[in-house]
Amino acid sequence: MSNEATLTLRQARERYFDENGFGQGGNYDERWVRVDVGPVPFWFPNSAERVRALRFHDLHHVLTGYPTDFPGECEISAWEVGGGCTDHWVAWLLNLGGMGAGLFFMPRRVARAFLRGRHTGNLYRAEYGETLLGKTVEEMRSAMRMNEPVPAPTWKERRTFAGWSAAALLTSAMGAAAFVAPVALAAWALVGWLR
């Protein structure tokens, strides 16, 4: 097995797909995607906007080393929010939800990832294509300042984190309400029907 740093982004991404069971090509062309929230599976449309953001998000997993488990997704969400998602509105929405969830369970890890995102580059400003995918992992980590130490947060960065945390918690609360409301209505209707 070759050293990951010498792989191209395309090669490293294919390894990442294989290691995480994402299928050939990450299943970008599937019409529906499944996301498990604990033991509960959710299916939702795999929109063109989601795929547009996901192509960069998957490369970010390769470059940052954040895994695809719950803590890793919360961390990479905070990292992407910290660095900015430009015009990728689906990335903003999903990342704010992931960051908000992480603030409940591991606020320090989320804060560190957010700060790391403030001091490194990300790919949301890049042009997706063969030129990008042909670069090596080490070349991109160097260009994005991924190997440099993250300085202690300034007061301005602490205020920025507080503001984005409020937005993330609100986004998570709205997402939870969107899930809980139909379940509560169904339970209420079932109880009424059983009386």
C-alpha atoms as a PDB file:
ATOM      1  CA  MET A   1       0.000   0.000   0.000  1.00  0.00           C
ATOM      2  CA  SER A   2       1.474   3.345  -0.999  1.00  0.00           C
ATOM      3  CA  ASN A   3       2.035   6.246   1.362  1.00  0.00           C
ATOM      4  CA  GLU A   4      -1.114   8.392   1.379  1.00  0.00           C
ATOM      5  CA  ALA A   5       0.853  11.651   1.068  1.00  0.00           C
ATOM      6  CA  THR A   6       2.180  10.624  -2.347  1.00  0.00           C
ATOM      7  CA  LEU A   7      -1.241   9.627  -3.714  1.00  0.00           C
ATOM      8  CA  THR A   8      -3.170  11.973  -5.923  1.00  0.00           C
ATOM      9  CA  LEU A   9      -6.387  13.341  -4.473  1.00  0.00           C
ATOM     10  CA  ARG A  10      -8.281  11.066  -6.874  1.00  0.00           C
ATOM     11  CA  GLN A  11      -6.412   7.968  -5.640  1.00  0.00           C
ATOM     12  CA  ALA A  12      -6.738   8.938  -1.970  1.00  0.00           C
ATOM     13  CA  ARG A  13     -10.448   9.670  -2.416  1.00  0.00           C
ATOM     14  CA  GLU A  14     -11.037   6.251  -4.006  1.00  0.00           C
ATOM     15  CA  ARG A  15      -9.247   4.627  -1.049  1.00  0.00           C
ATOM     16  CA  TYR A  16     -11.431   6.705   1.307  1.00  0.00           C
ATOM     17  CA  PHE A  17     -14.592   5.541  -0.535  1.00  0.00           C
ATOM     18  CA  ASP A  18     -13.471   1.920  -0.265  1.00  0.00           C
ATOM     19  CA  GLU A  19     -12.489   2.121   3.416  1.00  0.00           C
ATOM     20  CA  ASN A  20     -15.819   3.730   4.343  1.00  0.00           C
ATOM     21  CA  GLY A  21     -18.054   1.514   2.176  1.00  0.00           C
ATOM     22  CA  PHE A  22     -19.236   4.416   0.003  1.00  0.00           C
ATOM     23  CA  GLY A  23     -19.141   2.387  -3.192  1.00  0.00           C
ATOM     24  CA  GLN A  24     -17.588   3.014  -6.566  1.00  0.00           C
ATOM     25  CA  GLY A  25     -17.180   6.742  -7.104  1.00  0.00           C
ATOM     26  CA  GLY A  26     -18.822   7.619  -3.788  1.00  0.00           C
ATOM     27  CA  ASN A  27     -22.305   6.970  -5.186  1.00  0.00           C
ATOM     28  CA  TYR A  28     -22.517  10.578  -6.382  1.00  0.00           C
ATOM     29  CA  ASP A  29     -24.911   9.493  -9.115  1.00  0.00           C
ATOM     30  CA  GLU A  30     -27.445   7.842  -6.781  1.00  0.00           C
ATOM     31  CA  ARG A  31     -30.886   9.491  -6.647  1.00  0.00           C
ATOM     32  CA  TRP A  32     -31.307   8.905  -2.890  1.00  0.00           C
ATOM     33  CA  VAL A  33     -28.804   8.743  -0.039  1.00  0.00           C
ATOM     34  CA  ARG A  34     -29.062   7.064   3.320  1.00  0.00           C
ATOM     35  CA  VAL A  35     -27.739   8.686   6.471  1.00  0.00           C
ATOM     36  CA  ASP A  36     -27.928   6.856   9.778  1.00  0.00           C
ATOM     37  CA  VAL A  37     -28.565   8.959  12.867  1.00  0.00           C
ATOM     38  CA  GLY A  38     -27.759   6.441  15.562  1.00  0.00           C
ATOM     39  CA  PRO A  39     -29.851   3.360  14.815  1.00  0.00           C
ATOM     40  CA  VAL A  40     -32.381   5.290  12.695  1.00  0.00           C
ATOM     41  CA  PRO A  41     -31.820   5.459   8.916  1.00  0.00           C
ATOM     42  CA  PHE A  42     -32.962   8.514   6.956  1.00  0.00           C
ATOM     43  CA  TRP A  43     -33.278   8.708   3.181  1.00  0.00           C
ATOM     44  CA  PHE A  44     -33.233  11.981   1.298  1.00  0.00           C
ATOM     45  CA  PRO A  45     -32.748  13.121  -2.301  1.00  0.00           C
ATOM     46  CA  ASN A  46     -29.185  13.343  -3.526  1.00  0.00           C
ATOM     47  CA  SER A  47     -29.570  16.790  -5.109  1.00  0.00           C
ATOM     48  CA  ALA A  48     -27.101  18.318  -7.541  1.00  0.00           C
ATOM     49  CA  GLU A  49     -26.252  20.970  -4.919  1.00  0.00           C
ATOM     50  CA  ARG A  50     -25.496  18.265  -2.339  1.00  0.00           C
ATOM     51  CA  VAL A  51     -23.200  16.441  -4.779  1.00  0.00           C
ATOM     52  CA  ARG A  52     -21.500  19.733  -5.691  1.00  0.00           C
ATOM     53  CA  ALA A  53     -20.594  20.295  -2.028  1.00  0.00           C
ATOM     54  CA  LEU A  54     -19.932  16.625  -1.248  1.00  0.00           C
ATOM     55  CA  ARG A  55     -17.171  16.371  -3.859  1.00  0.00           C
ATOM     56  CA  PHE A  56     -15.166  18.887  -1.810  1.00  0.00           C
ATOM     57  CA  HIS A  57     -16.333  17.550   1.569  1.00  0.00           C
ATOM     58  CA  ASP A  58     -15.013  14.070   0.747  1.00  0.00           C
ATOM     59  CA  LEU A  59     -11.658  15.526  -0.296  1.00  0.00           C
ATOM     60  CA  HIS A  60     -11.602  17.459   2.979  1.00  0.00           C
ATOM     61  CA  HIS A  61     -11.938  14.170   4.886  1.00  0.00           C
ATOM     62  CA  VAL A  62      -8.878  12.903   3.016  1.00  0.00           C
ATOM     63  CA  LEU A  63      -6.868  16.061   3.686  1.00  0.00           C
ATOM     64  CA  THR A  64      -7.822  16.680   7.330  1.00  0.00           C
ATOM     65  CA  GLY A  65      -7.868  13.099   8.555  1.00  0.00           C
ATOM     66  CA  TYR A  66     -11.243  13.559  10.276  1.00  0.00           C
ATOM     67  CA  PRO A  67     -13.071  10.194  10.146  1.00  0.00           C
ATOM     68  CA  THR A  68     -16.662   9.638   9.015  1.00  0.00           C
ATOM     69  CA  ASP A  69     -17.976   8.582  12.429  1.00  0.00           C
ATOM     70  CA  PHE A  70     -20.181  10.948  14.469  1.00  0.00           C
ATOM     71  CA  PRO A  71     -17.309  12.797  16.208  1.00  0.00           C
ATOM     72  CA  GLY A  72     -15.374  13.114  12.952  1.00  0.00           C
ATOM     73  CA  GLU A  73     -18.368  14.505  11.066  1.00  0.00           C
ATOM     74  CA  CYS A  74     -18.965  17.059  13.830  1.00  0.00           C
ATOM     75  CA  GLU A  75     -15.312  18.095  13.698  1.00  0.00           C
ATOM     76  CA  ILE A  76     -15.157  18.405   9.929  1.00  0.00           C
ATOM     77  CA  SER A  77     -18.423  20.357  10.009  1.00  0.00           C
ATOM     78  CA  ALA A  78     -16.860  22.865  12.413  1.00  0.00           C
ATOM     79  CA  TRP A  79     -13.652  22.949  10.356  1.00  0.00           C
ATOM     80  CA  GLU A  80     -15.595  23.736   7.170  1.00  0.00           C
ATOM     81  CA  VAL A  81     -17.704  26.409   8.895  1.00  0.00           C
ATOM     82  CA  GLY A  82     -14.511  27.942  10.313  1.00  0.00           C
ATOM     83  CA  GLY A  83     -12.967  28.117   6.854  1.00  0.00           C
ATOM     84  CA  GLY A  84     -16.169  29.112   5.073  1.00  0.00           C
ATOM     85  CA  CYS A  85     -18.285  27.248   2.538  1.00  0.00           C
ATOM     86  CA  THR A  86     -18.566  30.139   0.028  1.00  0.00           C
ATOM     87  CA  ASP A  87     -21.661  29.677  -2.165  1.00  0.00           C
ATOM     88  CA  HIS A  88     -22.230  26.022  -1.239  1.00  0.00           C
ATOM     89  CA  TRP A  89     -25.502  26.569   0.667  1.00  0.00           C
ATOM     90  CA  VAL A  90     -26.057  22.839   1.242  1.00  0.00           C
ATOM     91  CA  ALA A  91     -22.621  22.648   2.872  1.00  0.00           C
ATOM     92  CA  TRP A  92     -23.495  25.579   5.151  1.00  0.00           C
ATOM     93  CA  LEU A  93     -26.765  23.936   6.172  1.00  0.00           C
ATOM     94  CA  LEU A  94     -25.367  20.448   6.809  1.00  0.00           C
ATOM     95  CA  ASN A  95     -22.203  21.735   8.476  1.00  0.00           C
ATOM     96  CA  LEU A  96     -24.059  24.054  10.831  1.00  0.00           C
ATOM     97  CA  GLY A  97     -26.259  21.121  11.852  1.00  0.00           C
ATOM     98  CA  GLY A  98     -23.221  18.897  12.393  1.00  0.00           C
ATOM     99  CA  MET A  99     -21.362  21.576  14.322  1.00  0.00           C
ATOM    100  CA  GLY A 100     -24.422  22.196  16.497  1.00  0.00           C
ATOM    101  CA  ALA A 101     -24.727  18.501  17.333  1.00  0.00           C
ATOM    102  CA  GLY A 102     -21.041  18.389  18.191  1.00  0.00           C
ATOM    103  CA  LEU A 103     -21.368  21.350  20.552  1.00  0.00           C
ATOM    104  CA  PHE A 104     -23.679  19.223  22.733  1.00  0.00           C
ATOM    105  CA  PHE A 105     -21.344  16.236  22.978  1.00  0.00           C
ATOM    106  CA  MET A 106     -17.794  17.487  22.463  1.00  0.00           C
ATOM    107  CA  PRO A 107     -17.570  21.273  22.542  1.00  0.00           C
ATOM    108  CA  ARG A 108     -13.772  21.398  22.938  1.00  0.00           C
ATOM    109  CA  ARG A 109     -13.135  19.217  19.907  1.00  0.00           C
ATOM    110  CA  VAL A 110     -15.574  21.312  17.882  1.00  0.00           C
ATOM    111  CA  ALA A 111     -13.890  24.529  19.035  1.00  0.00           C
ATOM    112  CA  ARG A 112     -10.435  23.176  18.076  1.00  0.00           C
ATOM    113  CA  ALA A 113     -11.684  22.084  14.649  1.00  0.00           C
ATOM    114  CA  PHE A 114     -13.355  25.465  14.037  1.00  0.00           C
ATOM    115  CA  LEU A 115     -10.131  27.281  14.955  1.00  0.00           C
ATOM    116  CA  ARG A 116      -8.133  24.956  12.717  1.00  0.00           C
ATOM    117  CA  GLY A 117     -10.527  25.842   9.882  1.00  0.00           C
ATOM    118  CA  ARG A 118      -9.910  29.556  10.477  1.00  0.00           C
ATOM    119  CA  HIS A 119      -6.157  29.045   9.940  1.00  0.00           C
ATOM    120  CA  THR A 120      -6.146  26.610   7.033  1.00  0.00           C
ATOM    121  CA  GLY A 121      -7.519  26.777   3.544  1.00  0.00           C
ATOM    122  CA  ASN A 122     -10.269  24.586   2.164  1.00  0.00           C
ATOM    123  CA  LEU A 123     -11.371  23.586  -1.303  1.00  0.00           C
ATOM    124  CA  TYR A 124     -14.739  25.338  -1.518  1.00  0.00           C
ATOM    125  CA  ARG A 125     -13.077  28.167  -3.453  1.00  0.00           C
ATOM    126  CA  ALA A 126     -11.273  25.771  -5.807  1.00  0.00           C
ATOM    127  CA  GLU A 127     -12.340  24.649  -9.237  1.00  0.00           C
ATOM    128  CA  TYR A 128     -13.307  20.977  -9.158  1.00  0.00           C
ATOM    129  CA  GLY A 129     -11.803  18.938 -11.971  1.00  0.00           C
ATOM    130  CA  GLU A 130      -8.871  16.931 -13.250  1.00  0.00           C
ATOM    131  CA  THR A 131      -6.268  19.531 -12.311  1.00  0.00           C
ATOM    132  CA  LEU A 132      -7.344  19.484  -8.658  1.00  0.00           C
ATOM    133  CA  LEU A 133      -7.757  15.702  -8.498  1.00  0.00           C
ATOM    134  CA  GLY A 134      -4.292  15.222 -10.025  1.00  0.00           C
ATOM    135  CA  LYS A 135      -2.497  17.034  -7.199  1.00  0.00           C
ATOM    136  CA  THR A 136      -0.944  14.960  -4.446  1.00  0.00           C
ATOM    137  CA  VAL A 137      -2.302  14.830  -0.910  1.00  0.00           C
ATOM    138  CA  GLU A 138       0.932  16.306   0.479  1.00  0.00           C
ATOM    139  CA  GLU A 139       0.955  19.074  -2.127  1.00  0.00           C
ATOM    140  CA  MET A 140      -2.574  20.123  -1.142  1.00  0.00           C
ATOM    141  CA  ARG A 141      -1.948  19.794   2.608  1.00  0.00           C
ATOM    142  CA  SER A 142       1.037  22.103   2.195  1.00  0.00           C
ATOM    143  CA  ALA A 143      -0.888  24.598   0.028  1.00  0.00           C
ATOM    144  CA  MET A 144      -3.710  24.665   2.592  1.00  0.00           C
ATOM    145  CA  ARG A 145      -1.289  25.082   5.550  1.00  0.00           C
ATOM    146  CA  MET A 146      -2.631  21.842   7.082  1.00  0.00           C
ATOM    147  CA  ASN A 147       0.705  20.876   8.686  1.00  0.00           C
ATOM    148  CA  GLU A 148       1.290  24.217  10.421  1.00  0.00           C
ATOM    149  CA  PRO A 149       0.509  24.552  14.134  1.00  0.00           C
ATOM    150  CA  VAL A 150      -2.736  26.325  14.985  1.00  0.00           C
ATOM    151  CA  PRO A 151      -2.142  29.378  17.192  1.00  0.00           C
ATOM    152  CA  ALA A 152      -4.110  30.076  20.355  1.00  0.00           C
ATOM    153  CA  PRO A 153      -7.422  31.797  19.614  1.00  0.00           C
ATOM    154  CA  THR A 154      -7.620  35.560  19.726  1.00  0.00           C
ATOM    155  CA  TRP A 155     -10.568  37.351  21.345  1.00  0.00           C
ATOM    156  CA  LYS A 156     -11.900  38.112  17.877  1.00  0.00           C
ATOM    157  CA  GLU A 157     -11.789  34.404  16.986  1.00  0.00           C
ATOM    158  CA  ARG A 158     -13.555  33.541  20.252  1.00  0.00           C
ATOM    159  CA  ARG A 159     -16.354  36.001  19.385  1.00  0.00           C
ATOM    160  CA  THR A 160     -16.546  34.592  15.858  1.00  0.00           C
ATOM    161  CA  PHE A 161     -16.799  31.069  17.265  1.00  0.00           C
ATOM    162  CA  ALA A 162     -19.556  32.177  19.659  1.00  0.00           C
ATOM    163  CA  GLY A 163     -21.551  33.676  16.790  1.00  0.00           C
ATOM    164  CA  TRP A 164     -21.209  30.627  14.567  1.00  0.00           C
ATOM    165  CA  SER A 165     -22.001  28.374  17.540  1.00  0.00           C
ATOM    166  CA  ALA A 166     -25.291  30.214  18.063  1.00  0.00           C
ATOM    167  CA  ALA A 167     -26.130  29.736  14.369  1.00  0.00           C
ATOM    168  CA  ALA A 168     -25.130  26.053  14.581  1.00  0.00           C
ATOM    169  CA  LEU A 169     -27.253  25.403  17.672  1.00  0.00           C
ATOM    170  CA  LEU A 170     -30.242  27.115  16.051  1.00  0.00           C
ATOM    171  CA  THR A 171     -29.785  25.056  12.872  1.00  0.00           C
ATOM    172  CA  SER A 172     -29.551  21.835  14.919  1.00  0.00           C
ATOM    173  CA  ALA A 173     -32.655  22.758  16.910  1.00  0.00           C
ATOM    174  CA  MET A 174     -34.618  23.438  13.713  1.00  0.00           C
ATOM    175  CA  GLY A 175     -33.435  20.125  12.256  1.00  0.00           C
ATOM    176  CA  ALA A 176     -34.459  18.261  15.403  1.00  0.00           C
ATOM    177  CA  ALA A 177     -37.856  19.982  15.375  1.00  0.00           C
ATOM    178  CA  ALA A 178     -38.349  19.011  11.734  1.00  0.00           C
ATOM    179  CA  PHE A 179     -37.746  15.390  12.739  1.00  0.00           C
ATOM    180  CA  VAL A 180     -39.670  15.378  16.028  1.00  0.00           C
ATOM    181  CA  ALA A 181     -42.795  17.206  14.789  1.00  0.00           C
ATOM    182  CA  PRO A 182     -43.961  14.506  12.319  1.00  0.00           C
ATOM    183  CA  VAL A 183     -43.191  11.736  14.819  1.00  0.00           C
ATOM    184  CA  ALA A 184     -45.142  13.567  17.540  1.00  0.00           C
ATOM    185  CA  LEU A 185     -48.086  14.170  15.180  1.00  0.00           C
ATOM    186  CA  ALA A 186     -48.128  10.511  14.167  1.00  0.00           C
ATOM    187  CA  ALA A 187     -48.048   9.415  17.832  1.00  0.00           C
ATOM    188  CA  TRP A 188     -50.834  11.876  18.700  1.00  0.00           C
ATOM    189  CA  ALA A 189     -52.962  10.582  15.806  1.00  0.00           C
ATOM    190  CA  LEU A 190     -52.329   6.963  16.818  1.00  0.00           C
ATOM    191  CA  VAL A 191     -53.301   7.636  20.442  1.00  0.00           C
ATOM    192  CA  GLY A 192     -56.470   9.399  19.252  1.00  0.00           C
ATOM    193  CA  TRP A 193     -57.292   6.516  16.931  1.00  0.00           C
ATOM    194  CA  LEU A 194     -56.778   3.916  19.698  1.00  0.00           C
ATOM    195  CA  ARG A 195     -59.185   5.651  22.114  1.00  0.00           C
END
